[in-house]
N, C-alpha and C. Protein backbone atom coordinates (compact mmCIF):
# COMPACT_ATOMS: atom_id res chain seq x y z
N MET A 1 9.65 20.08 -12.46
CA MET A 1 10.63 19.19 -12.62
C MET A 1 10.15 17.55 -12.79
N PRO A 2 10.96 17.31 -13.85
CA PRO A 2 10.51 15.72 -14.12
C PRO A 2 10.27 15.09 -13.06
N GLY A 3 9.48 13.77 -12.56
CA GLY A 3 9.64 12.48 -11.32
C GLY A 3 10.80 12.04 -11.76
N ARG A 4 11.17 11.11 -10.75
CA ARG A 4 12.41 10.11 -10.85
C ARG A 4 11.58 8.52 -11.19
N THR A 5 12.27 8.05 -11.86
CA THR A 5 12.13 6.54 -11.89
C THR A 5 12.94 5.64 -10.71
N ILE A 6 12.53 5.01 -10.22
CA ILE A 6 13.06 4.13 -9.32
C ILE A 6 12.59 2.94 -9.24
N ALA A 7 13.27 1.96 -9.07
CA ALA A 7 13.89 0.80 -9.28
C ALA A 7 13.60 0.41 -7.79
N ILE A 8 12.52 -1.07 -7.51
CA ILE A 8 12.78 -2.14 -6.23
C ILE A 8 12.72 -3.24 -6.36
N GLY A 9 13.93 -3.75 -5.87
CA GLY A 9 13.85 -5.30 -6.11
C GLY A 9 13.19 -6.11 -5.57
N ASP A 10 13.83 -7.78 -5.47
CA ASP A 10 12.60 -8.58 -4.64
C ASP A 10 12.12 -8.50 -3.47
N ILE A 11 11.12 -8.36 -3.36
CA ILE A 11 9.90 -7.98 -1.91
C ILE A 11 10.12 -9.59 -1.48
N HIS A 12 9.50 -10.17 -2.11
CA HIS A 12 9.37 -11.65 -1.36
C HIS A 12 8.49 -11.89 0.34
N GLY A 13 7.41 -10.88 0.35
CA GLY A 13 6.55 -10.89 1.51
C GLY A 13 7.12 -10.57 2.12
N CYS A 14 7.89 -8.98 2.05
CA CYS A 14 8.72 -8.55 3.44
C CYS A 14 8.12 -7.49 3.52
N LEU A 15 6.86 -7.21 4.32
CA LEU A 15 6.26 -6.23 4.15
C LEU A 15 6.61 -4.86 5.00
N VAL A 16 7.12 -5.37 5.94
CA VAL A 16 8.05 -4.52 7.67
C VAL A 16 8.97 -3.46 6.21
N SER A 17 9.72 -4.23 5.30
CA SER A 17 10.85 -3.71 5.15
C SER A 17 10.23 -2.92 3.14
N LEU A 18 9.29 -3.18 2.92
CA LEU A 18 8.66 -2.23 2.06
C LEU A 18 8.45 -1.01 2.30
N ASN A 19 7.33 -1.50 3.45
CA ASN A 19 6.81 -0.05 4.47
C ASN A 19 7.81 0.93 4.58
N ALA A 20 9.01 0.72 5.34
CA ALA A 20 9.60 1.34 5.51
C ALA A 20 10.72 1.65 4.53
N LEU A 21 10.67 1.51 3.14
CA LEU A 21 11.33 2.26 2.11
C LEU A 21 10.68 2.70 1.79
N LEU A 22 9.08 2.51 1.39
CA LEU A 22 8.56 3.62 0.71
C LEU A 22 8.31 4.51 1.77
N GLU A 23 8.44 4.65 3.31
CA GLU A 23 8.60 5.59 3.59
C GLU A 23 10.15 6.89 3.90
N ALA A 24 10.71 6.32 3.40
CA ALA A 24 12.10 6.35 3.13
C ALA A 24 11.89 7.51 1.54
N VAL A 25 11.81 6.67 0.79
CA VAL A 25 11.74 6.88 -0.58
C VAL A 25 10.79 8.34 -1.19
N LYS A 26 9.38 7.91 -0.46
CA LYS A 26 8.71 8.90 -0.32
C LYS A 26 8.20 8.99 -1.72
N PRO A 27 7.71 8.57 -2.34
CA PRO A 27 7.30 8.38 -3.62
C PRO A 27 6.09 9.70 -4.10
N THR A 28 6.12 10.26 -5.37
CA THR A 28 5.27 11.07 -5.14
C THR A 28 3.95 10.99 -6.68
N ALA A 29 3.16 11.71 -7.40
CA ALA A 29 2.60 11.37 -7.89
C ALA A 29 3.38 11.47 -9.44
N ASP A 30 4.52 12.14 -9.31
CA ASP A 30 4.96 12.60 -10.42
C ASP A 30 6.42 11.05 -10.53
N ASP A 31 6.24 10.10 -9.70
CA ASP A 31 7.37 9.56 -9.86
C ASP A 31 6.94 8.30 -10.32
N VAL A 32 7.83 7.81 -11.32
CA VAL A 32 7.78 6.29 -11.43
C VAL A 32 8.14 5.02 -11.02
N LEU A 33 7.18 4.16 -10.22
CA LEU A 33 8.27 3.21 -9.71
C LEU A 33 8.37 1.78 -9.82
N VAL A 34 9.39 1.12 -10.71
CA VAL A 34 9.54 0.04 -11.24
C VAL A 34 9.57 -0.80 -10.27
N ALA A 35 8.55 -1.95 -10.19
CA ALA A 35 8.89 -3.19 -9.19
C ALA A 35 9.10 -4.16 -10.11
N LEU A 36 10.31 -4.67 -9.12
CA LEU A 36 11.06 -5.90 -10.04
C LEU A 36 10.53 -7.87 -10.64
N GLY A 37 9.67 -7.61 -9.45
CA GLY A 37 9.21 -8.44 -9.40
C GLY A 37 9.58 -9.12 -8.27
N ASP A 38 8.75 -10.98 -8.11
CA ASP A 38 9.12 -11.50 -7.04
C ASP A 38 8.34 -10.82 -5.33
N TYR A 39 7.31 -10.65 -5.99
CA TYR A 39 6.81 -9.80 -4.53
C TYR A 39 6.47 -11.00 -3.52
N VAL A 40 6.04 -11.94 -3.55
CA VAL A 40 5.92 -13.16 -3.38
C VAL A 40 6.88 -14.37 -2.46
N ASP A 41 6.20 -15.24 -1.90
CA ASP A 41 6.87 -16.40 -1.21
C ASP A 41 7.68 -16.02 -0.40
N ARG A 42 8.29 -17.03 0.70
CA ARG A 42 9.48 -17.15 1.29
C ARG A 42 9.52 -15.64 2.35
N GLY A 43 9.09 -15.12 2.44
CA GLY A 43 8.99 -13.44 3.21
C GLY A 43 7.47 -14.32 4.08
N PRO A 44 7.14 -13.35 5.40
CA PRO A 44 6.02 -13.53 6.03
C PRO A 44 4.56 -13.12 5.53
N ASP A 45 4.52 -11.77 4.47
CA ASP A 45 3.23 -11.22 4.63
C ASP A 45 3.45 -11.36 3.01
N SER A 46 3.29 -11.99 2.38
CA SER A 46 3.02 -11.69 0.91
C SER A 46 1.16 -11.11 0.04
N LYS A 47 0.60 -11.18 1.04
CA LYS A 47 -0.54 -10.68 0.70
C LYS A 47 -0.91 -9.27 1.83
N GLY A 48 0.13 -9.09 2.63
CA GLY A 48 0.33 -7.24 2.57
C GLY A 48 1.51 -6.74 2.18
N VAL A 49 1.67 -7.16 1.13
CA VAL A 49 2.78 -6.41 0.44
C VAL A 49 1.92 -6.00 -0.56
N ILE A 50 1.10 -7.22 -1.65
CA ILE A 50 0.24 -6.67 -2.61
C ILE A 50 -1.24 -5.65 -2.18
N ASP A 51 -1.68 -6.07 -1.45
CA ASP A 51 -1.98 -4.81 -0.74
C ASP A 51 -1.32 -3.44 -0.58
N ARG A 52 -0.17 -3.36 -0.38
CA ARG A 52 0.19 -2.28 -0.25
C ARG A 52 1.08 -1.92 -1.59
N LEU A 53 1.27 -2.70 -2.31
CA LEU A 53 1.42 -2.24 -3.90
C LEU A 53 0.04 -1.59 -4.26
N LEU A 54 -0.98 -1.92 -4.30
CA LEU A 54 -2.22 -1.97 -4.79
C LEU A 54 -2.84 -0.37 -3.89
N VAL A 55 -2.30 -0.11 -2.85
CA VAL A 55 -2.23 1.42 -2.35
C VAL A 55 -1.27 2.26 -3.17
N GLN A 56 -0.19 2.12 -3.20
CA GLN A 56 1.08 2.27 -4.31
C GLN A 56 0.67 2.73 -5.09
N ALA A 57 0.30 1.58 -6.10
CA ALA A 57 -0.62 2.76 -7.05
C ALA A 57 -1.31 3.88 -7.78
N GLU A 58 -2.09 3.99 -6.25
CA GLU A 58 -3.17 5.04 -6.38
C GLU A 58 -2.13 6.22 -6.17
N GLU A 59 -0.77 6.49 -5.73
CA GLU A 59 -0.51 7.28 -5.03
C GLU A 59 0.49 7.42 -6.32
N CYS A 60 1.43 7.25 -7.31
CA CYS A 60 2.30 6.70 -7.96
C CYS A 60 2.42 6.36 -9.33
N GLN A 61 2.73 5.88 -10.47
CA GLN A 61 2.46 5.13 -11.75
C GLN A 61 3.59 4.27 -11.13
N LEU A 62 2.63 3.31 -11.03
CA LEU A 62 3.73 1.52 -10.28
C LEU A 62 3.63 0.90 -11.72
N ILE A 63 5.11 0.77 -12.19
CA ILE A 63 5.15 -0.38 -13.20
C ILE A 63 5.95 -1.77 -12.70
N PRO A 64 4.68 -2.55 -12.51
CA PRO A 64 5.42 -3.99 -11.91
C PRO A 64 6.18 -5.09 -12.97
N ILE A 65 6.54 -5.99 -12.53
CA ILE A 65 7.41 -6.65 -13.55
C ILE A 65 7.16 -8.06 -12.89
N ARG A 66 6.88 -9.23 -13.72
CA ARG A 66 6.58 -10.62 -13.58
C ARG A 66 7.90 -10.91 -13.17
N GLY A 67 7.90 -12.01 -12.22
CA GLY A 67 9.27 -12.43 -11.39
C GLY A 67 9.07 -14.15 -11.61
N ASN A 68 9.76 -14.81 -11.33
CA ASN A 68 9.81 -16.36 -11.69
C ASN A 68 8.65 -16.85 -10.27
N HIS A 69 8.56 -15.90 -9.05
CA HIS A 69 7.88 -16.95 -8.24
C HIS A 69 6.15 -16.15 -8.79
N GLU A 70 6.05 -15.19 -9.05
CA GLU A 70 4.56 -14.90 -9.60
C GLU A 70 4.53 -16.05 -10.64
N ASP A 71 5.22 -16.98 -11.75
CA ASP A 71 4.95 -17.44 -12.82
C ASP A 71 5.06 -18.47 -11.81
N MET A 72 5.44 -19.56 -10.80
CA MET A 72 5.59 -20.31 -9.96
C MET A 72 3.53 -20.41 -9.74
N MET A 73 3.36 -19.04 -8.81
CA MET A 73 2.32 -18.89 -8.12
C MET A 73 1.14 -19.01 -9.30
N LEU A 74 0.87 -18.38 -10.19
CA LEU A 74 -0.07 -17.96 -11.60
C LEU A 74 -0.42 -19.37 -12.18
N ALA A 75 1.36 -20.49 -12.18
CA ALA A 75 0.58 -21.79 -12.81
C ALA A 75 -0.11 -22.55 -12.10
N VAL A 76 0.19 -22.53 -10.77
CA VAL A 76 -0.65 -23.46 -9.67
C VAL A 76 -2.65 -22.36 -9.89
N LEU A 77 -2.75 -21.72 -9.55
CA LEU A 77 -3.52 -20.34 -9.77
C LEU A 77 -4.65 -20.64 -10.82
N GLY A 78 -4.20 -20.76 -11.77
CA GLY A 78 -4.86 -21.06 -13.04
C GLY A 78 -4.98 -23.04 -13.32
N GLY A 79 -4.61 -23.29 -12.11
CA GLY A 79 -5.39 -25.08 -12.40
C GLY A 79 -4.20 -25.74 -13.07
N GLY A 80 -2.90 -25.17 -13.94
CA GLY A 80 -2.36 -26.58 -14.97
C GLY A 80 -1.53 -26.74 -13.99
N GLU A 81 -1.12 -26.64 -12.97
CA GLU A 81 0.10 -27.16 -12.35
C GLU A 81 -0.01 -27.70 -10.83
N ALA A 82 0.85 -28.73 -10.63
CA ALA A 82 0.60 -29.31 -9.05
C ALA A 82 0.98 -28.13 -8.11
N TYR A 83 0.79 -28.43 -7.09
CA TYR A 83 1.34 -27.54 -5.83
C TYR A 83 2.65 -27.46 -5.47
N ASN A 84 3.02 -28.70 -5.72
CA ASN A 84 4.23 -29.36 -5.05
C ASN A 84 5.53 -28.33 -5.09
N GLY A 85 5.66 -28.00 -6.59
CA GLY A 85 6.86 -27.27 -6.82
C GLY A 85 6.52 -25.69 -5.89
N TRP A 86 5.74 -25.11 -6.54
CA TRP A 86 5.81 -23.76 -6.13
C TRP A 86 5.76 -23.90 -4.36
N LEU A 87 5.49 -24.67 -3.60
CA LEU A 87 5.31 -24.48 -2.33
C LEU A 87 6.95 -25.35 -1.84
N ARG A 88 7.02 -25.55 -2.50
CA ARG A 88 8.86 -26.12 -2.04
C ARG A 88 9.82 -24.68 -1.94
N TYR A 89 9.17 -23.90 -2.55
CA TYR A 89 10.36 -22.60 -3.26
C TYR A 89 9.44 -21.00 -2.16
N GLY A 90 8.94 -21.06 -1.63
CA GLY A 90 7.98 -20.64 -0.72
C GLY A 90 5.96 -20.44 -0.63
N GLY A 91 5.74 -21.05 -1.18
CA GLY A 91 4.74 -21.08 -1.68
C GLY A 91 3.60 -20.84 -0.51
N VAL A 92 4.07 -21.82 0.30
CA VAL A 92 3.50 -21.86 1.98
C VAL A 92 3.09 -20.56 2.43
N ASP A 93 4.61 -20.36 2.81
CA ASP A 93 4.35 -18.77 3.33
C ASP A 93 3.21 -17.96 2.38
N THR A 94 3.08 -18.05 1.34
CA THR A 94 2.43 -17.23 0.49
C THR A 94 0.87 -17.42 1.28
N LEU A 95 0.99 -18.55 1.06
CA LEU A 95 -0.49 -19.42 1.17
C LEU A 95 -1.40 -19.05 2.76
N GLU A 96 -0.08 -19.28 3.80
CA GLU A 96 -0.03 -19.14 4.92
C GLU A 96 -0.57 -17.20 4.78
N SER A 97 -0.06 -16.35 4.38
CA SER A 97 -0.43 -15.38 4.59
C SER A 97 -2.10 -14.66 4.35
N TYR A 98 -2.47 -15.92 3.34
CA TYR A 98 -3.55 -15.21 2.83
C TYR A 98 -4.86 -16.08 3.77
N GLY A 99 -4.41 -17.10 4.83
CA GLY A 99 -5.05 -17.22 5.42
C GLY A 99 -5.56 -18.45 4.55
N PHE A 100 -5.31 -19.16 3.94
CA PHE A 100 -5.46 -20.32 3.16
C PHE A 100 -5.66 -21.28 3.94
N ALA A 101 -7.11 -22.03 3.51
CA ALA A 101 -7.66 -23.16 4.30
C ALA A 101 -7.96 -24.49 3.55
N GLY A 102 -7.27 -24.46 2.05
CA GLY A 102 -7.95 -25.50 1.13
C GLY A 102 -8.42 -24.76 -0.24
N ASP A 103 -8.87 -23.18 0.06
CA ASP A 103 -9.62 -22.81 -1.09
C ASP A 103 -9.08 -21.19 -1.44
N LEU A 104 -8.24 -22.01 -2.82
CA LEU A 104 -8.05 -20.57 -3.83
C LEU A 104 -8.61 -19.39 -3.62
N LYS A 105 -9.86 -19.49 -3.54
CA LYS A 105 -10.84 -18.38 -3.12
C LYS A 105 -10.38 -16.67 -2.43
N VAL A 106 -9.86 -17.78 -1.39
CA VAL A 106 -9.27 -16.83 -0.73
C VAL A 106 -8.19 -15.98 -1.14
N ILE A 107 -7.95 -15.88 -1.94
CA ILE A 107 -6.82 -14.34 -2.92
C ILE A 107 -8.30 -13.64 -3.39
N PRO A 108 -8.35 -12.16 -2.87
CA PRO A 108 -9.39 -11.49 -3.54
C PRO A 108 -9.27 -11.36 -5.56
N GLU A 109 -9.96 -10.71 -5.29
CA GLU A 109 -9.92 -10.28 -6.81
C GLU A 109 -9.18 -9.28 -7.54
N SER A 110 -9.08 -8.23 -6.82
CA SER A 110 -8.11 -7.47 -6.61
C SER A 110 -6.76 -7.75 -6.96
N HIS A 111 -6.32 -8.93 -6.26
CA HIS A 111 -4.91 -9.38 -6.07
C HIS A 111 -5.04 -10.64 -7.73
N HIS A 112 -5.74 -10.84 -8.16
CA HIS A 112 -5.84 -11.49 -9.63
C HIS A 112 -5.89 -10.44 -10.58
N ARG A 113 -5.95 -9.63 -10.45
CA ARG A 113 -6.06 -8.28 -11.69
C ARG A 113 -4.64 -7.82 -11.43
N PHE A 114 -4.33 -7.73 -10.12
CA PHE A 114 -2.64 -6.90 -10.36
C PHE A 114 -2.08 -7.85 -11.24
N PHE A 115 -1.52 -9.73 -10.52
CA PHE A 115 -0.99 -10.26 -11.12
C PHE A 115 -1.00 -10.64 -12.70
N ASP A 116 -2.64 -10.29 -13.11
CA ASP A 116 -2.46 -10.28 -15.06
C ASP A 116 -1.77 -8.72 -15.36
N SER A 117 -2.01 -7.89 -14.56
CA SER A 117 -1.40 -6.70 -15.22
C SER A 117 0.24 -6.65 -15.07
N LEU A 118 0.82 -7.67 -14.90
CA LEU A 118 2.86 -7.75 -14.38
C LEU A 118 3.01 -8.03 -15.48
N LEU A 119 3.93 -7.12 -15.98
CA LEU A 119 5.00 -6.77 -17.36
C LEU A 119 6.34 -7.76 -17.12
N ASP A 120 6.47 -8.18 -18.93
CA ASP A 120 7.67 -9.01 -18.92
C ASP A 120 8.70 -7.77 -18.42
N TYR A 121 9.08 -6.71 -19.43
CA TYR A 121 9.77 -6.13 -18.72
C TYR A 121 9.29 -4.05 -19.21
N HIS A 122 10.02 -3.24 -18.75
CA HIS A 122 9.63 -2.04 -19.12
C HIS A 122 11.20 -1.26 -19.53
N GLN A 123 10.72 -0.22 -20.31
CA GLN A 123 12.57 0.10 -21.14
C GLN A 123 11.78 1.89 -21.06
N THR A 124 13.03 2.66 -20.80
CA THR A 124 12.62 3.87 -20.72
C THR A 124 13.67 4.72 -22.29
N ASP A 125 13.87 5.97 -22.36
CA ASP A 125 15.12 5.83 -23.46
C ASP A 125 16.55 5.83 -23.03
N THR A 126 16.43 5.51 -21.85
CA THR A 126 17.76 5.12 -21.03
C THR A 126 18.04 3.61 -20.31
N HIS A 127 16.93 3.40 -19.81
CA HIS A 127 17.12 2.19 -19.25
C HIS A 127 15.86 1.03 -19.65
N ILE A 128 16.21 -0.18 -19.25
CA ILE A 128 15.57 -1.56 -19.52
C ILE A 128 15.38 -2.25 -17.91
N PHE A 129 14.16 -2.37 -17.86
CA PHE A 129 13.77 -3.10 -16.25
C PHE A 129 12.94 -4.40 -16.85
N THR A 130 13.44 -5.27 -15.92
CA THR A 130 13.19 -6.75 -16.33
C THR A 130 13.55 -7.93 -14.67
N HIS A 131 13.15 -8.42 -14.95
CA HIS A 131 13.05 -9.51 -13.11
C HIS A 131 14.71 -10.15 -13.37
N GLY A 132 14.94 -10.89 -14.65
CA GLY A 132 16.53 -11.98 -14.02
C GLY A 132 17.21 -11.65 -14.68
N ALA A 133 17.34 -11.32 -16.08
CA ALA A 133 18.38 -11.44 -17.38
C ALA A 133 17.77 -10.72 -18.65
N TYR A 134 18.90 -10.91 -19.53
CA TYR A 134 18.61 -10.60 -20.57
C TYR A 134 19.44 -11.54 -22.05
N ALA A 135 18.89 -11.44 -22.93
CA ALA A 135 19.87 -11.69 -24.01
C ALA A 135 20.51 -11.04 -24.99
N ALA A 136 21.73 -10.43 -24.78
CA ALA A 136 22.39 -9.12 -24.91
C ALA A 136 21.73 -8.59 -26.78
N ASP A 137 21.97 -9.89 -27.37
CA ASP A 137 21.73 -9.74 -28.84
C ASP A 137 20.80 -9.68 -29.66
N LEU A 138 19.82 -9.98 -28.57
CA LEU A 138 18.07 -9.58 -28.95
C LEU A 138 17.26 -8.53 -28.55
N PRO A 139 16.45 -7.71 -29.60
CA PRO A 139 15.37 -6.88 -29.17
C PRO A 139 14.70 -7.29 -27.60
N MET A 140 14.42 -6.05 -26.67
CA MET A 140 13.44 -6.68 -25.82
C MET A 140 12.39 -7.87 -26.44
N GLU A 141 11.79 -7.00 -27.15
CA GLU A 141 10.42 -8.07 -27.58
C GLU A 141 10.45 -9.27 -28.42
N ARG A 142 11.79 -9.60 -28.20
CA ARG A 142 12.36 -10.96 -29.40
C ARG A 142 12.93 -11.81 -28.02
N GLN A 143 12.21 -11.51 -26.45
CA GLN A 143 13.54 -12.12 -25.20
C GLN A 143 12.73 -12.82 -25.03
N SER A 144 13.12 -14.31 -24.85
CA SER A 144 12.55 -15.51 -24.22
C SER A 144 12.13 -14.89 -22.88
N VAL A 145 10.98 -15.37 -22.40
CA VAL A 145 10.31 -15.20 -21.04
C VAL A 145 11.49 -16.08 -19.98
N ASP A 146 11.71 -16.81 -20.15
CA ASP A 146 12.51 -17.92 -19.35
C ASP A 146 13.79 -17.26 -19.22
N VAL A 147 14.49 -16.68 -19.88
CA VAL A 147 15.70 -15.47 -19.26
C VAL A 147 14.74 -14.63 -18.59
N LEU A 148 14.09 -13.86 -19.42
CA LEU A 148 14.00 -12.63 -18.08
C LEU A 148 13.57 -12.92 -17.18
N ARG A 149 12.81 -13.93 -16.83
CA ARG A 149 12.31 -14.12 -15.55
C ARG A 149 12.89 -15.33 -14.32
N TRP A 150 13.68 -16.13 -15.39
CA TRP A 150 14.49 -17.23 -15.03
C TRP A 150 16.20 -17.50 -14.92
N HIS A 151 16.70 -16.38 -15.69
CA HIS A 151 17.93 -16.87 -15.50
C HIS A 151 19.04 -16.44 -14.63
N SER A 152 20.18 -16.59 -13.70
CA SER A 152 20.82 -16.19 -12.47
C SER A 152 22.02 -15.72 -13.76
N LEU A 153 21.85 -14.88 -12.57
CA LEU A 153 23.42 -13.74 -13.02
C LEU A 153 24.56 -14.82 -12.60
N ARG A 154 24.24 -16.19 -11.81
CA ARG A 154 25.53 -16.43 -11.29
C ARG A 154 25.85 -17.75 -12.39
N ASP A 155 24.64 -18.13 -12.85
CA ASP A 155 24.72 -18.98 -14.25
C ASP A 155 25.44 -18.31 -15.33
N GLY A 156 25.96 -16.77 -15.58
CA GLY A 156 26.20 -16.23 -17.08
C GLY A 156 25.63 -14.97 -17.03
N ILE A 157 26.75 -13.87 -16.98
CA ILE A 157 26.04 -12.49 -16.61
C ILE A 157 26.32 -12.17 -18.32
N PRO A 158 25.60 -11.75 -18.83
CA PRO A 158 25.52 -11.21 -20.33
C PRO A 158 26.13 -10.23 -20.48
N ASP A 159 26.42 -9.85 -21.72
CA ASP A 159 27.26 -8.38 -22.20
C ASP A 159 26.15 -7.44 -22.22
N GLN A 160 26.49 -6.79 -22.76
CA GLN A 160 25.27 -5.48 -23.04
C GLN A 160 25.01 -5.36 -23.28
N HIS A 161 23.41 -4.80 -23.42
CA HIS A 161 22.31 -4.93 -24.09
C HIS A 161 22.29 -3.94 -25.48
N GLN A 162 21.91 -5.17 -26.31
CA GLN A 162 22.48 -4.41 -28.01
C GLN A 162 21.61 -3.24 -27.96
N SER A 163 21.08 -2.43 -27.29
CA SER A 163 20.12 -0.93 -27.26
C SER A 163 21.15 0.27 -26.28
N GLY A 164 22.29 -0.57 -26.01
CA GLY A 164 23.00 0.36 -25.34
C GLY A 164 22.68 1.24 -23.78
N ARG A 165 21.26 0.28 -23.70
CA ARG A 165 21.09 1.00 -22.37
C ARG A 165 21.51 -0.31 -21.32
N THR A 166 21.24 0.70 -20.15
CA THR A 166 21.52 0.61 -18.48
C THR A 166 20.29 -0.65 -18.33
N VAL A 167 20.67 -1.71 -18.10
CA VAL A 167 19.49 -3.16 -17.49
C VAL A 167 19.61 -3.22 -15.84
N VAL A 168 18.41 -3.24 -15.47
CA VAL A 168 18.40 -3.14 -13.95
C VAL A 168 17.35 -4.35 -13.79
N VAL A 169 18.11 -5.45 -13.41
CA VAL A 169 17.11 -6.94 -12.63
C VAL A 169 17.30 -7.04 -11.03
N GLY A 170 16.53 -8.22 -10.97
CA GLY A 170 16.26 -8.71 -9.49
C GLY A 170 17.31 -9.81 -9.54
N HIS A 171 16.57 -10.64 -9.21
CA HIS A 171 16.49 -12.27 -8.76
C HIS A 171 17.65 -13.37 -8.59
N THR A 172 19.11 -12.43 -9.01
CA THR A 172 20.19 -12.87 -8.44
C THR A 172 20.21 -12.60 -7.24
N ALA A 173 20.06 -13.53 -5.84
CA ALA A 173 19.92 -12.52 -4.61
C ALA A 173 21.76 -12.45 -4.10
N ASN A 174 22.12 -10.91 -4.16
CA ASN A 174 23.04 -10.41 -3.43
C ASN A 174 23.20 -10.58 -2.09
N LYS A 175 23.67 -11.94 -1.81
CA LYS A 175 23.31 -12.34 0.04
C LYS A 175 24.27 -11.27 0.99
N ASP A 176 25.34 -10.60 0.40
CA ASP A 176 26.04 -10.10 1.52
C ASP A 176 25.57 -8.27 1.57
N GLY A 177 24.06 -8.20 1.07
CA GLY A 177 23.15 -7.46 1.01
C GLY A 177 23.77 -5.91 0.23
N GLU A 178 25.07 -6.47 -0.80
CA GLU A 178 25.45 -4.91 -1.35
C GLU A 178 25.39 -5.19 -3.05
N ILE A 179 24.68 -4.14 -3.77
CA ILE A 179 24.30 -4.26 -5.02
C ILE A 179 25.58 -4.88 -6.40
N LEU A 180 25.11 -5.14 -7.17
CA LEU A 180 25.83 -5.18 -8.21
C LEU A 180 26.03 -4.48 -9.30
N ASP A 181 26.97 -3.37 -9.59
CA ASP A 181 26.72 -2.78 -10.51
C ASP A 181 28.11 -2.79 -11.38
N LEU A 182 27.55 -3.34 -12.57
CA LEU A 182 28.80 -3.62 -14.00
C LEU A 182 28.59 -2.16 -14.70
N GLY A 183 27.71 -1.43 -14.53
CA GLY A 183 27.69 0.04 -15.51
C GLY A 183 26.92 -0.50 -16.20
N TYR A 184 26.34 -1.22 -17.09
CA TYR A 184 25.69 -1.50 -18.55
C TYR A 184 24.33 -2.33 -17.41
N LEU A 185 24.95 -2.88 -16.65
CA LEU A 185 23.86 -4.41 -15.52
C LEU A 185 24.29 -3.96 -14.59
N VAL A 186 22.90 -3.87 -13.50
CA VAL A 186 22.49 -3.71 -12.83
C VAL A 186 22.09 -4.73 -11.61
N CYS A 187 22.26 -5.27 -10.58
CA CYS A 187 20.95 -6.29 -9.69
C CYS A 187 21.18 -5.60 -8.73
N ILE A 188 19.42 -5.57 -8.76
CA ILE A 188 19.62 -4.46 -6.86
C ILE A 188 18.86 -6.10 -6.42
N ASP A 189 18.57 -7.15 -6.21
CA ASP A 189 18.41 -7.98 -5.23
C ASP A 189 19.32 -8.22 -3.98
N THR A 190 19.24 -7.55 -3.36
CA THR A 190 19.95 -7.49 -1.68
C THR A 190 19.23 -8.92 -0.99
N TYR A 191 18.36 -9.34 -0.82
CA TYR A 191 18.60 -10.86 -0.07
C TYR A 191 17.73 -10.06 0.89
N CYS A 192 16.36 -9.90 0.53
CA CYS A 192 16.02 -9.10 2.21
C CYS A 192 15.12 -10.28 2.69
N TYR A 193 14.47 -11.05 2.26
CA TYR A 193 13.96 -12.38 2.60
C TYR A 193 14.95 -13.41 3.91
N GLY A 194 16.02 -12.93 3.48
CA GLY A 194 17.24 -13.96 4.20
C GLY A 194 18.24 -13.08 5.14
N GLY A 195 17.67 -12.15 5.22
CA GLY A 195 18.25 -11.26 6.47
C GLY A 195 19.64 -9.69 6.03
N GLY A 196 18.69 -9.80 4.53
CA GLY A 196 19.19 -8.59 4.07
C GLY A 196 18.58 -7.29 4.14
N TRP A 197 18.63 -7.01 2.60
CA TRP A 197 18.43 -5.85 3.05
C TRP A 197 16.97 -5.54 1.51
N LEU A 198 16.21 -4.94 1.18
CA LEU A 198 15.24 -4.57 0.14
C LEU A 198 15.65 -3.02 -0.40
N THR A 199 16.25 -2.75 -1.20
CA THR A 199 16.64 -1.71 -1.86
C THR A 199 15.78 -1.00 -2.96
N ALA A 200 15.57 0.17 -2.81
CA ALA A 200 15.32 0.97 -3.92
C ALA A 200 16.64 1.90 -4.93
N LEU A 201 16.38 1.90 -6.03
CA LEU A 201 17.22 2.91 -6.98
C LEU A 201 16.77 3.94 -7.79
N ASP A 202 17.03 5.10 -7.28
CA ASP A 202 17.07 6.14 -7.97
C ASP A 202 17.89 5.75 -9.67
N VAL A 203 17.15 5.24 -10.69
CA VAL A 203 18.06 5.16 -11.72
C VAL A 203 18.62 6.45 -12.30
N ASP A 204 18.30 7.80 -12.44
CA ASP A 204 18.93 8.87 -12.83
C ASP A 204 19.73 9.40 -12.03
N SER A 205 19.51 9.57 -10.44
CA SER A 205 20.78 10.20 -9.68
C SER A 205 21.62 9.25 -8.98
N GLY A 206 20.83 7.69 -9.16
CA GLY A 206 21.97 6.86 -8.65
C GLY A 206 22.15 7.26 -7.08
N GLU A 207 20.94 7.90 -6.18
CA GLU A 207 20.41 7.68 -4.89
C GLU A 207 19.94 6.22 -4.85
N ILE A 208 20.41 5.83 -3.41
CA ILE A 208 20.04 4.10 -3.03
C ILE A 208 19.40 4.16 -1.59
N TRP A 209 18.04 4.09 -1.61
CA TRP A 209 17.47 3.48 -0.47
C TRP A 209 17.55 2.49 0.14
N GLN A 210 17.46 1.74 1.34
CA GLN A 210 17.54 0.14 1.86
C GLN A 210 16.64 0.29 2.84
N ALA A 211 16.43 -1.11 2.83
CA ALA A 211 15.22 -1.30 4.77
C ALA A 211 15.14 -2.84 4.80
N ASN A 212 15.11 -3.15 6.17
CA ASN A 212 15.36 -4.39 6.31
C ASN A 212 14.07 -4.71 7.44
N GLU A 213 14.26 -6.22 7.86
CA GLU A 213 12.54 -6.51 7.86
C GLU A 213 12.73 -6.24 9.70
N GLU A 214 13.68 -5.35 10.45
CA GLU A 214 13.56 -4.94 11.33
C GLU A 214 13.09 -3.40 11.05
N GLY A 215 13.19 -2.82 10.04
CA GLY A 215 12.46 -2.03 10.37
C GLY A 215 13.99 -0.50 9.75
N ARG A 216 15.10 -1.06 10.18
CA ARG A 216 16.14 -0.11 9.90
C ARG A 216 15.84 0.27 8.61
N GLN A 217 16.87 1.75 8.39
CA GLN A 217 16.47 2.10 7.10
C GLN A 217 17.94 2.39 7.01
N ARG A 218 18.81 2.51 5.27
CA ARG A 218 19.90 2.93 5.25
C ARG A 218 19.45 4.15 3.67
N ARG A 219 20.83 5.01 3.80
CA ARG A 219 20.79 5.81 2.21
C ARG A 219 22.30 5.90 1.90
N PHE A 220 22.48 5.69 0.88
CA PHE A 220 23.78 6.06 -0.01
C PHE A 220 23.79 7.23 -1.71
N GLY A 221 24.37 7.64 -2.03
CA GLY A 221 24.31 8.69 -2.60
C GLY A 221 23.76 9.88 -2.57
């Protein structure tokens, strides 16, 4: 049997939730795990999240998408931006998880390679995966990274993408812990760092797994 394609929403440093979610999903070597970005910031253990994803990449096919929080972090790590903006949106929590004491060399080379590997989007015959949103009338190779990483669905929900594929996104936190499912567009950011859930979705079967920072799990479908 072919493997599953499973999307995971915004993790935001929530390692307890990630570990509990992966325990429930049990990815195999045949599965494709598409992580939708925002691995870092706000939650307590961004370093631990990246470590866990690196381990997971040895156990299944991991496709990591770049989120806006990785944008902010990498702008600082690259030396082009001041710390202030990033720190205001969760960078303090990320640096603390690395044991930062004034030297960015505390971030290991394996993590730099992970961040360098992040994609703007991923698509299959039936689905598109990206962090934030998309322009409905443009093919994916012509999309603006600002839209892909930064556009909130609260500022406007796009129409169905011209390809007819179902688009799966994160970024816009659903604070009630529920998935936004419009049929052609599914948002699975369910506010893990704020007391909600971390969500995984099998895009073919519709099965849903969730876990929170208390390690609780629940399953639908």
